[in-house]
């Protein structure tokens, strides 16, 4: 038996330590585009869509209950969740933020974990090509 084989079985293994920066929490897996979040992982899917209103109210709808999604450039995005309707109005709701990254497509593929209504100053100061959610209404 040679020395390397003997060392292999008799030496004490030292496990590499994981740096603190690689330990993730719920928010580290999503990119923040201001108006909405986007899950980074190719296979990541959100369980619920969180609606953040400008007055501080938050509501969430399960993606499992999403029956229909429509985009109309003049009216915005309409989502039908098991008898409830969510309307998202704003600017550039279907524009491409980065290659293959659009809000409506992300909702359809369950990659958007949250959307955020913009307050007045944020909406006015946003870039002309930025996605801005002006109003979220639920029925």
Protein backbone atom coordinates (compact mmCIF):
# COMPACT_ATOMS: atom_id res chain seq x y z
CA UNK A 1 0.00 0.00 0.00
CA UNK A 2 1.51 3.35 -0.93
CA UNK A 3 1.63 6.41 1.34
CA UNK A 4 -1.00 8.43 -0.52
CA UNK A 5 -3.54 5.64 -0.13
CA UNK A 6 -2.74 5.34 3.55
CA UNK A 7 -3.05 9.11 4.04
CA UNK A 8 -6.35 9.10 2.26
CA UNK A 9 -7.94 6.79 4.80
CA UNK A 10 -6.15 7.89 7.94
CA UNK A 11 -5.95 11.66 7.59
CA UNK A 12 -8.61 13.79 9.13
CA UNK A 13 -10.77 15.58 6.59
CA UNK A 14 -11.31 19.28 6.97
CA UNK A 15 -14.59 20.43 5.45
CA UNK A 16 -14.41 23.77 3.65
CA UNK A 17 -16.25 26.55 5.37
CA UNK A 18 -19.02 28.39 3.59
CA UNK A 19 -18.53 32.15 3.58
CA UNK A 20 -21.38 34.14 5.13
CA UNK A 21 -22.07 35.94 1.84
CA UNK A 22 -23.23 32.73 0.16
CA UNK A 23 -25.81 31.93 2.82
CA UNK A 24 -29.05 33.17 1.36
CA UNK A 25 -32.39 34.29 2.71
CA UNK A 26 -35.69 34.80 0.87
CA UNK A 27 -34.78 38.20 -0.61
CA UNK A 28 -31.40 37.24 -2.06
CA UNK A 29 -32.93 35.02 -4.74
CA UNK A 30 -34.79 37.90 -6.40
CA UNK A 31 -33.74 40.96 -8.35
CA UNK A 32 -35.47 44.22 -7.42
CA UNK A 33 -36.53 46.32 -10.42
CA UNK A 34 -38.36 48.90 -8.29
CA UNK A 35 -41.82 48.11 -9.64
CA UNK A 36 -41.47 44.33 -9.29
CA UNK A 37 -39.19 41.53 -8.18
CA UNK A 38 -37.83 38.79 -10.42
CA UNK A 39 -36.66 35.37 -9.26
CA UNK A 40 -33.12 34.75 -10.51
CA UNK A 41 -33.00 30.96 -10.67
CA UNK A 42 -34.01 29.44 -13.99
CA UNK A 43 -36.24 26.91 -12.25
CA UNK A 44 -37.43 29.19 -9.41
CA UNK A 45 -41.18 29.76 -9.18
CA UNK A 46 -43.07 31.98 -6.76
CA UNK A 47 -45.89 30.42 -4.77
CA UNK A 48 -47.80 33.69 -4.36
CA UNK A 49 -47.89 37.11 -6.00
CA UNK A 50 -47.55 39.81 -3.35
CA UNK A 51 -49.27 43.12 -4.14
CA UNK A 52 -47.69 46.07 -2.32
CA UNK A 53 -49.93 49.11 -2.28
CA UNK A 54 -48.58 52.64 -1.80
CA UNK A 55 -50.58 53.10 1.43
CA UNK A 56 -48.73 50.19 3.06
CA UNK A 57 -51.43 47.57 2.57
CA UNK A 58 -50.17 44.23 1.24
CA UNK A 59 -52.21 41.41 -0.22
CA UNK A 60 -51.12 38.18 -1.84
CA UNK A 61 -52.72 35.80 -4.30
CA UNK A 62 -51.64 32.20 -4.88
CA UNK A 63 -50.31 31.56 -8.36
CA UNK A 64 -52.07 28.19 -8.22
CA UNK A 65 -55.37 30.10 -8.39
CA UNK A 66 -54.40 32.21 -11.42
CA UNK A 67 -56.96 31.30 -14.07
CA UNK A 68 -56.33 33.94 -16.72
CA UNK A 69 -53.94 36.78 -17.48
CA UNK A 70 -54.47 39.51 -20.06
CA UNK A 71 -52.35 42.42 -21.21
CA UNK A 72 -53.98 45.36 -23.00
CA UNK A 73 -51.61 48.27 -23.71
CA UNK A 74 -54.38 50.80 -23.08
CA UNK A 75 -55.67 49.24 -19.84
CA UNK A 76 -52.75 47.31 -18.35
CA UNK A 77 -52.65 43.81 -16.93
CA UNK A 78 -55.74 41.98 -15.68
CA UNK A 79 -55.35 38.82 -13.61
CA UNK A 80 -58.23 36.49 -12.70
CA UNK A 81 -57.70 34.55 -9.44
CA UNK A 82 -60.53 32.12 -8.65
CA UNK A 83 -63.35 34.66 -8.79
CA UNK A 84 -61.25 37.73 -7.88
CA UNK A 85 -59.86 40.20 -10.35
CA UNK A 86 -56.60 42.16 -10.04
CA UNK A 87 -55.95 45.12 -12.35
CA UNK A 88 -52.46 46.53 -12.71
CA UNK A 89 -52.26 49.92 -14.43
CA UNK A 90 -49.10 51.76 -15.32
CA UNK A 91 -46.43 52.43 -17.93
CA UNK A 92 -44.24 50.05 -19.89
CA UNK A 93 -45.90 47.01 -18.32
CA UNK A 94 -44.81 44.77 -21.19
CA UNK A 95 -41.54 46.46 -22.15
CA UNK A 96 -38.31 44.49 -22.06
CA UNK A 97 -36.21 45.47 -19.02
CA UNK A 98 -33.36 43.16 -20.02
CA UNK A 99 -33.27 40.53 -22.77
CA UNK A 100 -36.22 38.18 -22.23
CA UNK A 101 -37.34 39.95 -19.05
CA UNK A 102 -40.85 41.43 -19.17
CA UNK A 103 -43.29 41.90 -16.29
CA UNK A 104 -46.24 40.22 -18.01
CA UNK A 105 -44.16 37.24 -19.16
CA UNK A 106 -42.75 36.92 -15.65
CA UNK A 107 -46.23 36.80 -14.13
CA UNK A 108 -47.28 34.13 -16.61
CA UNK A 109 -44.21 32.03 -15.73
CA UNK A 110 -44.60 32.65 -11.94
CA UNK A 111 -41.20 34.38 -11.77
CA UNK A 112 -42.53 37.62 -10.20
CA UNK A 113 -42.85 37.29 -6.40
CA UNK A 114 -44.09 40.87 -5.80
CA UNK A 115 -45.23 44.06 -7.50
CA UNK A 116 -45.14 47.55 -5.98
CA UNK A 117 -47.38 50.54 -6.59
CA UNK A 118 -45.33 53.69 -7.11
CA UNK A 119 -46.05 56.78 -5.07
CA UNK A 120 -46.41 60.14 -6.84
CA UNK A 121 -42.79 61.35 -6.65
CA UNK A 122 -41.42 57.95 -7.66
CA UNK A 123 -43.73 57.74 -10.68
CA UNK A 124 -42.78 61.24 -11.84
CA UNK A 125 -39.04 60.80 -11.38
CA UNK A 126 -38.86 57.37 -13.04
CA UNK A 127 -37.06 57.09 -16.36
CA UNK A 128 -39.24 57.26 -19.44
CA UNK A 129 -38.62 53.61 -20.32
CA UNK A 130 -38.94 52.27 -16.72
CA UNK A 131 -41.79 50.02 -15.63
CA UNK A 132 -44.06 52.04 -13.32
CA UNK A 133 -47.09 50.57 -11.60
CA UNK A 134 -49.45 53.47 -10.99
CA UNK A 135 -52.37 51.56 -9.50
CA UNK A 136 -53.31 48.09 -8.33
CA UNK A 137 -57.02 47.39 -7.82
CA UNK A 138 -58.68 44.20 -6.62
CA UNK A 139 -62.34 43.20 -6.96
